C-alpha atoms as a PDB file:
ATOM      1  CA  UNK A   1     -67.143  17.360  64.096  1.00  0.00           C
ATOM      2  CA  UNK A   2     -63.639  16.814  65.475  1.00  0.00           C
ATOM      3  CA  UNK A   3     -63.231  16.261  69.245  1.00  0.00           C
ATOM      4  CA  UNK A   4     -61.243  19.331  70.451  1.00  0.00           C
ATOM      5  CA  UNK A   5     -60.227  17.463  73.691  1.00  0.00           C
ATOM      6  CA  UNK A   6     -58.777  14.687  71.856  1.00  0.00           C
ATOM      7  CA  UNK A   7     -54.764  14.922  71.275  1.00  0.00           C
ATOM      8  CA  UNK A   8     -53.664  13.525  67.863  1.00  0.00           C
ATOM      9  CA  UNK A   9     -49.922  12.260  67.602  1.00  0.00           C
ATOM     10  CA  UNK A  10     -48.111  12.870  64.359  1.00  0.00           C
ATOM     11  CA  UNK A  11     -48.692   9.329  63.428  1.00  0.00           C
ATOM     12  CA  UNK A  12     -52.242   9.903  63.446  1.00  0.00           C
ATOM     13  CA  UNK A  13     -52.136  12.680  61.134  1.00  0.00           C
ATOM     14  CA  UNK A  14     -52.132  12.409  57.201  1.00  0.00           C
ATOM     15  CA  UNK A  15     -51.124  14.657  54.475  1.00  0.00           C
ATOM     16  CA  UNK A  16     -54.160  15.770  52.114  1.00  0.00           C
ATOM     17  CA  UNK A  17     -54.137  18.389  49.033  1.00  0.00           C
ATOM     18  CA  UNK A  18     -57.312  20.154  48.101  1.00  0.00           C
ATOM     19  CA  UNK A  19     -57.407  21.410  44.664  1.00  0.00           C
ATOM     20  CA  UNK A  20     -60.359  23.532  43.524  1.00  0.00           C
ATOM     21  CA  UNK A  21     -61.813  25.752  40.761  1.00  0.00           C
ATOM     22  CA  UNK A  22     -63.686  28.952  41.829  1.00  0.00           C
ATOM     23  CA  UNK A  23     -66.215  30.195  39.410  1.00  0.00           C
ATOM     24  CA  UNK A  24     -64.952  32.998  37.214  1.00  0.00           C
ATOM     25  CA  UNK A  25     -68.140  35.287  38.247  1.00  0.00           C
ATOM     26  CA  UNK A  26     -66.045  36.119  41.414  1.00  0.00           C
ATOM     27  CA  UNK A  27     -64.440  39.567  40.599  1.00  0.00           C
ATOM     28  CA  UNK A  28     -60.457  39.166  40.717  1.00  0.00           C
ATOM     29  CA  UNK A  29     -60.243  41.051  44.050  1.00  0.00           C
ATOM     30  CA  UNK A  30     -62.477  38.978  45.785  1.00  0.00           C
ATOM     31  CA  UNK A  31     -60.877  35.482  45.000  1.00  0.00           C
ATOM     32  CA  UNK A  32     -58.554  35.801  47.904  1.00  0.00           C
ATOM     33  CA  UNK A  33     -61.697  35.902  50.035  1.00  0.00           C
ATOM     34  CA  UNK A  34     -62.885  32.661  48.692  1.00  0.00           C
ATOM     35  CA  UNK A  35     -59.510  31.119  49.315  1.00  0.00           C
ATOM     36  CA  UNK A  36     -59.611  32.508  52.964  1.00  0.00           C
ATOM     37  CA  UNK A  37     -63.075  30.873  53.299  1.00  0.00           C
ATOM     38  CA  UNK A  38     -61.427  27.482  52.436  1.00  0.00           C
ATOM     39  CA  UNK A  39     -58.682  27.985  54.441  1.00  0.00           C
ATOM     40  CA  UNK A  40     -60.770  28.982  57.540  1.00  0.00           C
ATOM     41  CA  UNK A  41     -62.915  25.905  56.825  1.00  0.00           C
ATOM     42  CA  UNK A  42     -59.674  23.707  57.008  1.00  0.00           C
ATOM     43  CA  UNK A  43     -58.460  25.339  59.919  1.00  0.00           C
ATOM     44  CA  UNK A  44     -61.651  24.650  61.873  1.00  0.00           C
ATOM     45  CA  UNK A  45     -61.191  21.062  61.395  1.00  0.00           C
ATOM     46  CA  UNK A  46     -57.884  20.943  62.743  1.00  0.00           C
ATOM     47  CA  UNK A  47     -55.526  21.493  59.397  1.00  0.00           C
ATOM     48  CA  UNK A  48     -52.024  22.305  59.954  1.00  0.00           C
ATOM     49  CA  UNK A  49     -51.002  24.235  56.605  1.00  0.00           C
ATOM     50  CA  UNK A  50     -48.067  22.814  54.802  1.00  0.00           C
ATOM     51  CA  UNK A  51     -48.037  24.823  51.286  1.00  0.00           C
ATOM     52  CA  UNK A  52     -50.681  26.474  49.070  1.00  0.00           C
ATOM     53  CA  UNK A  53     -51.038  28.373  45.595  1.00  0.00           C
ATOM     54  CA  UNK A  54     -53.610  30.881  45.425  1.00  0.00           C
ATOM     55  CA  UNK A  55     -56.137  30.778  42.716  1.00  0.00           C
ATOM     56  CA  UNK A  56     -55.330  31.867  39.216  1.00  0.00           C
ATOM     57  CA  UNK A  57     -57.478  32.190  36.195  1.00  0.00           C
ATOM     58  CA  UNK A  58     -56.966  29.163  33.972  1.00  0.00           C
ATOM     59  CA  UNK A  59     -58.766  27.950  30.787  1.00  0.00           C
ATOM     60  CA  UNK A  60     -60.604  24.638  31.548  1.00  0.00           C
ATOM     61  CA  UNK A  61     -60.099  21.336  29.345  1.00  0.00           C
ATOM     62  CA  UNK A  62     -63.815  21.170  28.958  1.00  0.00           C
ATOM     63  CA  UNK A  63     -67.030  23.083  29.767  1.00  0.00           C
ATOM     64  CA  UNK A  64     -68.389  22.579  33.328  1.00  0.00           C
ATOM     65  CA  UNK A  65     -71.809  23.550  34.205  1.00  0.00           C
ATOM     66  CA  UNK A  66     -73.107  24.874  37.757  1.00  0.00           C
ATOM     67  CA  UNK A  67     -76.357  26.125  38.734  1.00  0.00           C
ATOM     68  CA  UNK A  68     -76.078  29.253  40.735  1.00  0.00           C
ATOM     69  CA  UNK A  69     -78.915  31.271  42.219  1.00  0.00           C
ATOM     70  CA  UNK A  70     -81.193  29.319  40.159  1.00  0.00           C
ATOM     71  CA  UNK A  71     -79.472  29.939  36.896  1.00  0.00           C
ATOM     72  CA  UNK A  72     -77.342  27.264  34.920  1.00  0.00           C
ATOM     73  CA  UNK A  73     -74.015  28.549  33.808  1.00  0.00           C
ATOM     74  CA  UNK A  74     -71.525  27.147  31.657  1.00  0.00           C
ATOM     75  CA  UNK A  75     -67.746  27.780  32.367  1.00  0.00           C
ATOM     76  CA  UNK A  76     -64.817  27.260  30.059  1.00  0.00           C
ATOM     77  CA  UNK A  77     -62.354  28.993  32.557  1.00  0.00           C
ATOM     78  CA  UNK A  78     -62.093  29.278  36.373  1.00  0.00           C
ATOM     79  CA  UNK A  79     -59.628  30.169  39.123  1.00  0.00           C
ATOM     80  CA  UNK A  80     -57.625  27.381  40.136  1.00  0.00           C
ATOM     81  CA  UNK A  81     -55.846  26.882  43.485  1.00  0.00           C
ATOM     82  CA  UNK A  82     -54.491  24.403  46.097  1.00  0.00           C
ATOM     83  CA  UNK A  83     -53.961  23.818  49.609  1.00  0.00           C
ATOM     84  CA  UNK A  84     -51.601  20.903  50.905  1.00  0.00           C
ATOM     85  CA  UNK A  85     -52.241  20.281  54.742  1.00  0.00           C
ATOM     86  CA  UNK A  86     -51.777  17.816  57.525  1.00  0.00           C
ATOM     87  CA  UNK A  87     -55.008  16.527  59.267  1.00  0.00           C
ATOM     88  CA  UNK A  88     -56.603  13.587  61.364  1.00  0.00           C
ATOM     89  CA  UNK A  89     -58.147  11.436  58.698  1.00  0.00           C
ATOM     90  CA  UNK A  90     -61.502  11.442  60.947  1.00  0.00           C
ATOM     91  CA  UNK A  91     -61.760  15.221  59.953  1.00  0.00           C
ATOM     92  CA  UNK A  92     -61.614  14.717  56.303  1.00  0.00           C
ATOM     93  CA  UNK A  93     -65.202  13.808  55.649  1.00  0.00           C
ATOM     94  CA  UNK A  94     -66.007  17.251  57.528  1.00  0.00           C
ATOM     95  CA  UNK A  95     -63.700  19.144  55.012  1.00  0.00           C
ATOM     96  CA  UNK A  96     -65.765  17.202  51.995  1.00  0.00           C
ATOM     97  CA  UNK A  97     -68.915  18.627  53.504  1.00  0.00           C
ATOM     98  CA  UNK A  98     -67.655  22.074  54.132  1.00  0.00           C
ATOM     99  CA  UNK A  99     -66.404  22.143  50.674  1.00  0.00           C
ATOM    100  CA  UNK A 100     -69.538  21.013  48.985  1.00  0.00           C
ATOM    101  CA  UNK A 101     -71.263  23.993  50.728  1.00  0.00           C
ATOM    102  CA  UNK A 102     -69.083  26.803  49.602  1.00  0.00           C
ATOM    103  CA  UNK A 103     -71.336  28.291  46.804  1.00  0.00           C
ATOM    104  CA  UNK A 104     -68.431  29.474  44.353  1.00  0.00           C
ATOM    105  CA  UNK A 105     -66.479  26.369  44.208  1.00  0.00           C
ATOM    106  CA  UNK A 106     -67.242  25.019  40.846  1.00  0.00           C
ATOM    107  CA  UNK A 107     -65.253  21.678  41.558  1.00  0.00           C
ATOM    108  CA  UNK A 108     -62.748  20.349  44.018  1.00  0.00           C
ATOM    109  CA  UNK A 109     -60.661  17.216  44.665  1.00  0.00           C
ATOM    110  CA  UNK A 110     -59.266  16.052  47.902  1.00  0.00           C
ATOM    111  CA  UNK A 111     -56.490  13.680  47.635  1.00  0.00           C
ATOM    112  CA  UNK A 112     -54.074  11.802  50.336  1.00  0.00           C
ATOM    113  CA  UNK A 113     -50.315  12.642  49.347  1.00  0.00           C
ATOM    114  CA  UNK A 114     -46.979  13.066  50.722  1.00  0.00           C
ATOM    115  CA  UNK A 115     -45.255  16.178  52.458  1.00  0.00           C
ATOM    116  CA  UNK A 116     -42.547  16.424  49.826  1.00  0.00           C
ATOM    117  CA  UNK A 117     -43.113  18.685  46.964  1.00  0.00           C
ATOM    118  CA  UNK A 118     -44.574  16.490  44.151  1.00  0.00           C
ATOM    119  CA  UNK A 119     -44.548  19.012  41.351  1.00  0.00           C
ATOM    120  CA  UNK A 120     -43.318  17.198  38.205  1.00  0.00           C
ATOM    121  CA  UNK A 121     -40.589  19.198  36.395  1.00  0.00           C
ATOM    122  CA  UNK A 122     -39.620  16.572  33.879  1.00  0.00           C
ATOM    123  CA  UNK A 123     -41.468  13.847  31.935  1.00  0.00           C
ATOM    124  CA  UNK A 124     -40.122  10.278  32.693  1.00  0.00           C
ATOM    125  CA  UNK A 125     -38.152   8.627  29.656  1.00  0.00           C
ATOM    126  CA  UNK A 126     -39.550   5.479  28.274  1.00  0.00           C
ATOM    127  CA  UNK A 127     -38.061   3.635  25.489  1.00  0.00           C
ATOM    128  CA  UNK A 128     -38.605  -0.007  23.932  1.00  0.00           C
ATOM    129  CA  UNK A 129     -36.520  -2.575  25.513  1.00  0.00           C
ATOM    130  CA  UNK A 130     -34.386  -4.645  23.674  1.00  0.00           C
ATOM    131  CA  UNK A 131     -36.714  -7.519  23.915  1.00  0.00           C
ATOM    132  CA  UNK A 132     -39.421  -5.288  22.450  1.00  0.00           C
ATOM    133  CA  UNK A 133     -41.132  -4.746  25.575  1.00  0.00           C
ATOM    134  CA  UNK A 134     -42.772  -1.335  25.696  1.00  0.00           C
ATOM    135  CA  UNK A 135     -43.073   1.030  28.671  1.00  0.00           C
ATOM    136  CA  UNK A 136     -39.864  -0.102  30.306  1.00  0.00           C
ATOM    137  CA  UNK A 137     -38.433   2.889  32.151  1.00  0.00           C
ATOM    138  CA  UNK A 138     -34.813   3.685  31.444  1.00  0.00           C
ATOM    139  CA  UNK A 139     -32.536   6.228  32.800  1.00  0.00           C
ATOM    140  CA  UNK A 140     -31.956   8.853  29.908  1.00  0.00           C
ATOM    141  CA  UNK A 141     -28.724   8.438  28.047  1.00  0.00           C
ATOM    142  CA  UNK A 142     -25.985  10.821  29.038  1.00  0.00           C
ATOM    143  CA  UNK A 143     -24.828  13.163  26.076  1.00  0.00           C
ATOM    144  CA  UNK A 144     -21.093  14.110  26.315  1.00  0.00           C
ATOM    145  CA  UNK A 145     -19.971  17.339  25.318  1.00  0.00           C
ATOM    146  CA  UNK A 146     -18.120  17.455  21.969  1.00  0.00           C
ATOM    147  CA  UNK A 147     -14.396  17.810  22.102  1.00  0.00           C
ATOM    148  CA  UNK A 148     -12.265  19.603  19.402  1.00  0.00           C
ATOM    149  CA  UNK A 149     -11.227  16.096  18.073  1.00  0.00           C
ATOM    150  CA  UNK A 150     -14.981  14.889  17.982  1.00  0.00           C
ATOM    151  CA  UNK A 151     -15.847  17.934  16.077  1.00  0.00           C
ATOM    152  CA  UNK A 152     -12.769  17.353  13.635  1.00  0.00           C
ATOM    153  CA  UNK A 153     -13.936  13.751  13.007  1.00  0.00           C
ATOM    154  CA  UNK A 154     -17.554  14.877  12.285  1.00  0.00           C
ATOM    155  CA  UNK A 155     -16.376  17.490   9.987  1.00  0.00           C
ATOM    156  CA  UNK A 156     -14.303  14.821   8.156  1.00  0.00           C
ATOM    157  CA  UNK A 157     -17.090  12.598   7.826  1.00  0.00           C
ATOM    158  CA  UNK A 158     -19.238  15.207   6.631  1.00  0.00           C
ATOM    159  CA  UNK A 159     -16.619  16.097   3.877  1.00  0.00           C
ATOM    160  CA  UNK A 160     -16.583  12.317   2.546  1.00  0.00           C
ATOM    161  CA  UNK A 161     -20.206  12.105   2.578  1.00  0.00           C
ATOM    162  CA  UNK A 162     -20.524  15.314   0.278  1.00  0.00           C
ATOM    163  CA  UNK A 163     -17.672  14.479  -2.071  1.00  0.00           C
ATOM    164  CA  UNK A 164     -19.588  10.890  -2.770  1.00  0.00           C
END
């Protein structure tokens, strides 16, 4: 447990993100309560919230099993949500223990991350290097807009090809 008398400076805090799946047996109107349970547990450990996404129903890539109340259940969908927060590294193991005890969490992952938004909107562009080396990251080639002269030249080339 975190010592509440200890003051942490900003340099002692790290940025974490916890992503989680909530079992689909939870009624949709109760999913917010599950999110609050997670956030309250984080807050008790000294989390300073940065951003979050409320859980939404998602299809899972594969079946996940969990035993609830003595019965084994197989799930192919779950509510997925996440919370990004700042916290002392000494408290993160307590967070893991707290999340392990939340009955309706199917699975969770805690990662150390950065404060900035890390959502990827575009895939990186890779192509072969001139020497044949694969996986070399290159900037995408800029495609210029066609001018009227360019279009006329293209049309002429097409006409010549069609004549042949």
